[in-house]
Each structure stands twice: as C-alpha cells, then as structure tokens.
Amino acid sequence: MDHLISSVIGYVLGSFPTAYVLLKKKGIDITKVGSGNVGAMNSYEVTNSKVIGITVLLIDFLKGFLSVLIVGFFYPESFALQGIALIFAIFSHCFNPWINFNGGRGLATAAGGVILLLYPLLIIWLLLWIITYLMKKNIHFSNVSATILSLLIIFNNAELSLKYSSPNATNSETVVLIITMGLMIIFIKHIEPLKDLLKSFNHKGIKND
C-alpha cells in the first residue's frame, strides 16, 4: 500500500501539463507546434517569451520537488518510497495522460526531486551538461550526453551515492535502481531528437566530403 500511495502522489503531481495549460490560454496547442515537446524549451521557442519558458521550467521542477517532499512527509525515512514518487512524476510528465500521453522530456521534473534525494547527482549532471554543450553547442546532445555519463558515474560509484542519499537508502542497489529508472525515462524521450541530431551530423559529414 505504501508503494501505491507514493506512486499515485508522484503520478498525479507529475501529470499536470504545465506548458500545455499556459500556452492554451494564448490559443496555442504546444503539442502541435515547434518540436511538439510539452516542456520549457519548446514553450520558449514557440512564444519567444523568457517569462513563459522560465515559468514552465520552475513549475515542472516543482512537480518533482513536491512529489518527493510530500511523500517524505509521510515516509521520512524511506529513500525508496520517495524515489518511487519521483519516478512516477517523471513518467507522467513525459507521457502525460491528460494530453494523449504527450509530454516533456523530464529533466526539470527529475532535477526537482534529485535535489532532495541525491543532490551531488544534479551537480554532476549540470557540470557534464556545460562541458558537452561547449563541445557541440547543441542542447539535445548535451542532455543525452550528461544523462548517459551521469548514469555511468552512478554505476561506478554506487557506494558513494549511498553515502550522499537523503534519506539514507538501505543499500546502494536501491539508489542505483531508482536513479537508473529515472534517467532511462529521460533518455527514451530524447531518442527522437537524438536521431535528428545524428542525421544532421551525417549530413554535415557528407557535405564536408
């Protein structure tokens, strides 16, 4: 029952379609314009409004943050239950049941929960993102690269992750499983833009030849 409660809290909070609601008020269906992604970046690109982009980013961040915070109120000693809430918040954000399972890419929502559960991971991800962005100057490339590299770091430093988990997890396997599931959802949502990116790289390579 505890697992079900945590799942439902995360799923319900994560399912609020922030970008869709905000842009619908302006007569824009974000699922049909730009990249079709229901997230902060597409909101900004479609409206050219930094205010809307930042607002979407912050609310999506809060979805993950509040999911962990609320479950933590009921189960303050359980990393696993708080982690489950975050996984379901990321999942429902990315595959939103209210808008035909369209959604965002989960990064802001994941960051909101990770800052409470395992803050060093967020710092590592951001540093990797900056480094890879400076290399390729492409947001999707940086998102995917930072996500994959962060996952590898977690795998190779499971005991260290256990040390910094909050609340302290019962074992390193729990930490690795929770983080892996969250990052995998994010990675799945980046497959299509990654394909487009690879095509553009190949096209440039052909031109250079």
Protein backbone atom coordinates (compact mmCIF):
# COMPACT_ATOMS: atom_id res chain seq x y z
CA MET A 1 0.00 0.00 0.00
CA ASP A 2 2.86 2.40 0.80
CA HIS A 3 4.30 1.87 -2.67
CA LEU A 4 0.91 2.54 -4.25
CA ILE A 5 0.43 5.76 -2.27
CA SER A 6 3.87 7.01 -3.30
CA SER A 7 3.24 6.10 -6.92
CA VAL A 8 -0.13 7.87 -7.03
CA ILE A 9 1.21 11.06 -5.42
CA GLY A 10 4.07 11.24 -7.90
CA TYR A 11 1.90 10.35 -10.88
CA VAL A 12 -0.80 12.91 -10.10
CA LEU A 13 1.62 15.76 -9.44
CA GLY A 14 3.79 14.93 -12.43
CA SER A 15 0.81 14.79 -14.77
CA PHE A 16 -0.01 18.49 -14.56
CA PRO A 17 0.65 19.61 -18.18
CA THR A 18 2.28 22.94 -17.36
CA ALA A 19 3.31 24.09 -20.84
CA TYR A 20 0.07 22.88 -22.41
CA VAL A 21 -2.10 24.78 -19.92
CA LEU A 22 -0.10 28.02 -20.08
CA LEU A 23 0.07 28.13 -23.86
CA LYS A 24 -3.52 27.01 -24.33
CA LYS A 25 -4.54 30.25 -22.62
CA LYS A 26 -2.79 32.03 -25.50
CA GLY A 27 -4.60 29.92 -28.07
CA ILE A 28 -1.58 27.71 -28.77
CA ASP A 29 -1.60 23.91 -28.71
CA ILE A 30 2.03 23.21 -27.87
CA THR A 31 1.68 19.55 -28.89
CA LYS A 32 1.20 20.71 -32.49
CA VAL A 33 3.77 23.48 -32.83
CA GLY A 34 7.53 23.64 -32.76
CA SER A 35 9.01 20.30 -31.73
CA GLY A 36 5.70 19.28 -30.14
CA ASN A 37 7.51 18.78 -26.85
CA VAL A 38 5.47 19.90 -23.83
CA GLY A 39 8.34 21.49 -21.96
CA ALA A 40 10.15 24.71 -21.17
CA MET A 41 12.41 24.90 -24.23
CA ASN A 42 9.65 24.42 -26.79
CA SER A 43 7.44 26.85 -24.84
CA TYR A 44 10.14 29.48 -25.10
CA GLU A 45 10.86 28.80 -28.77
CA VAL A 46 7.18 28.90 -29.73
CA THR A 47 6.30 32.06 -27.78
CA ASN A 48 9.71 33.75 -27.77
CA SER A 49 8.91 34.62 -24.15
CA LYS A 50 11.55 34.08 -21.48
CA VAL A 51 8.90 34.57 -18.81
CA ILE A 52 6.82 31.65 -20.12
CA GLY A 53 9.89 29.48 -20.61
CA ILE A 54 11.14 30.09 -17.07
CA THR A 55 7.64 29.71 -15.60
CA VAL A 56 7.23 26.30 -17.25
CA LEU A 57 10.70 25.29 -16.09
CA LEU A 58 10.03 26.25 -12.46
CA ILE A 59 6.59 24.61 -12.26
CA ASP A 60 7.91 21.40 -13.84
CA PHE A 61 10.79 21.49 -11.34
CA LEU A 62 8.27 21.84 -8.51
CA LYS A 63 6.37 18.76 -9.70
CA GLY A 64 9.37 16.59 -8.89
CA PHE A 65 10.30 18.54 -5.79
CA LEU A 66 6.81 18.38 -4.26
CA SER A 67 6.39 14.70 -5.13
CA VAL A 68 9.46 13.82 -3.06
CA LEU A 69 8.67 16.37 -0.36
CA ILE A 70 5.09 15.20 0.20
CA VAL A 71 5.97 11.50 0.23
CA GLY A 72 8.88 12.38 2.52
CA PHE A 73 6.40 13.91 4.95
CA PHE A 74 4.58 10.58 5.23
CA TYR A 75 7.66 8.36 4.92
CA PRO A 76 10.61 10.47 6.12
CA GLU A 77 12.99 7.51 6.47
CA SER A 78 12.32 5.84 3.13
CA PHE A 79 14.55 6.73 0.18
CA ALA A 80 12.84 4.02 -1.88
CA LEU A 81 9.31 5.38 -1.46
CA GLN A 82 10.39 8.95 -2.15
CA GLY A 83 12.32 7.72 -5.17
CA ILE A 84 9.27 5.85 -6.46
CA ALA A 85 7.25 9.08 -6.23
CA LEU A 86 9.87 10.85 -8.34
CA ILE A 87 9.97 8.08 -10.96
CA PHE A 88 6.19 8.25 -11.39
CA ALA A 89 6.28 12.06 -11.51
CA ILE A 90 8.88 11.91 -14.31
CA PHE A 91 6.90 9.21 -16.11
CA SER A 92 3.56 11.05 -16.05
CA HIS A 93 5.27 14.29 -17.05
CA CYS A 94 6.89 12.61 -20.05
CA PHE A 95 3.84 10.53 -21.03
CA ASN A 96 1.02 12.74 -19.84
CA PRO A 97 -2.36 11.00 -19.56
CA TRP A 98 -4.30 14.27 -19.95
CA ILE A 99 -2.84 15.13 -23.37
CA ASN A 100 -2.81 11.76 -25.17
CA PHE A 101 0.40 10.71 -23.47
CA ASN A 102 2.40 13.54 -24.98
CA GLY A 103 4.70 15.37 -22.60
CA GLY A 104 8.03 16.92 -21.85
CA ARG A 105 11.46 15.32 -21.61
CA GLY A 106 11.54 15.11 -17.82
CA LEU A 107 14.73 16.98 -16.97
CA ALA A 108 13.23 19.76 -14.86
CA THR A 109 10.93 17.37 -13.00
CA ALA A 110 13.82 14.98 -12.35
CA ALA A 111 16.01 17.82 -11.11
CA GLY A 112 13.30 18.90 -8.65
CA GLY A 113 13.30 15.51 -6.98
CA VAL A 114 17.00 14.73 -7.26
CA ILE A 115 17.94 17.93 -5.46
CA LEU A 116 16.27 16.41 -2.39
CA LEU A 117 17.22 12.75 -2.87
CA LEU A 118 20.78 12.93 -4.20
CA TYR A 119 21.95 16.49 -4.79
CA PRO A 120 25.51 15.58 -5.95
CA LEU A 121 23.96 13.87 -8.98
CA LEU A 122 22.33 17.14 -10.05
CA ILE A 123 25.64 18.98 -9.68
CA ILE A 124 27.45 16.31 -11.71
CA TRP A 125 24.77 16.38 -14.42
CA LEU A 126 24.95 20.16 -14.71
CA LEU A 127 28.75 20.14 -14.97
CA LEU A 128 28.65 17.44 -17.64
CA TRP A 129 25.94 19.37 -19.49
CA ILE A 130 28.05 22.52 -19.57
CA ILE A 131 31.14 20.64 -20.78
CA THR A 132 29.30 18.80 -23.55
CA TYR A 133 27.44 21.94 -24.61
CA LEU A 134 30.71 23.79 -25.01
CA MET A 135 31.87 20.93 -27.23
CA LYS A 136 28.90 20.72 -29.63
CA LYS A 137 26.72 23.76 -28.88
CA ASN A 138 23.62 21.56 -29.07
CA ILE A 139 21.13 21.27 -26.20
CA HIS A 140 19.84 17.80 -27.11
CA PHE A 141 23.36 16.43 -27.44
CA SER A 142 24.21 17.84 -24.01
CA ASN A 143 21.01 16.48 -22.46
CA VAL A 144 21.66 12.95 -23.70
CA SER A 145 25.40 13.01 -23.03
CA ALA A 146 25.04 14.34 -19.49
CA THR A 147 22.30 11.79 -18.77
CA ILE A 148 24.29 8.79 -20.03
CA LEU A 149 27.52 9.90 -18.36
CA SER A 150 25.71 10.56 -15.07
CA LEU A 151 24.27 7.06 -15.20
CA LEU A 152 27.73 5.58 -15.75
CA ILE A 153 29.11 7.57 -12.83
CA ILE A 154 26.33 6.29 -10.57
CA PHE A 155 27.06 2.70 -11.63
CA ASN A 156 30.75 3.10 -10.89
CA ASN A 157 30.27 4.94 -7.59
CA ALA A 158 27.31 3.15 -6.05
CA GLU A 159 28.69 3.19 -2.52
CA LEU A 160 29.43 6.92 -2.72
CA SER A 161 25.89 7.52 -3.99
CA LEU A 162 24.58 5.59 -1.00
CA LYS A 163 26.57 7.85 1.32
CA TYR A 164 25.00 11.03 -0.09
CA SER A 165 21.46 9.73 -0.48
CA SER A 166 18.86 11.61 1.56
CA PRO A 167 17.29 9.99 3.45
CA ASN A 168 19.97 7.33 3.57
CA ALA A 169 18.96 4.37 1.44
CA THR A 170 19.15 0.89 2.92
CA ASN A 171 21.57 -0.25 0.20
CA SER A 172 23.39 1.02 -2.88
CA GLU A 173 21.30 -1.16 -5.20
CA THR A 174 18.19 0.84 -4.29
CA VAL A 175 19.90 4.12 -5.16
CA VAL A 176 21.22 2.79 -8.46
CA LEU A 177 17.83 1.31 -9.42
CA ILE A 178 15.87 4.49 -8.66
CA ILE A 179 18.30 6.76 -10.50
CA THR A 180 18.61 4.36 -13.44
CA MET A 181 14.85 4.18 -13.93
CA GLY A 182 14.51 7.96 -13.87
CA LEU A 183 17.38 8.53 -16.28
CA MET A 184 16.12 5.83 -18.63
CA ILE A 185 12.74 7.56 -18.96
CA ILE A 186 14.55 10.79 -19.77
CA PHE A 187 16.76 9.01 -22.31
CA ILE A 188 13.74 7.43 -24.04
CA LYS A 189 12.21 10.89 -24.50
CA HIS A 190 15.43 12.05 -26.16
CA ILE A 191 15.65 9.25 -28.74
CA GLU A 192 13.84 11.17 -31.49
CA PRO A 193 15.83 14.43 -31.15
CA LEU A 194 18.97 12.31 -30.91
CA LYS A 195 18.11 10.63 -34.22
CA ASP A 196 17.60 14.05 -35.81
CA LEU A 197 20.91 15.19 -34.38
CA LEU A 198 22.76 12.17 -35.79
CA LYS A 199 21.18 12.78 -39.19
CA SER A 200 22.36 16.38 -39.14
CA PHE A 201 25.89 15.28 -38.18
CA ASN A 202 25.90 12.74 -41.03
CA HIS A 203 24.58 15.36 -43.45
CA LYS A 204 27.35 17.74 -42.47
CA GLY A 205 29.87 14.94 -42.88
CA ILE A 206 28.63 14.21 -46.41
CA LYS A 207 28.86 17.90 -47.30
CA ASN A 208 32.40 18.10 -45.98
CA ASP A 209 33.37 15.08 -48.09
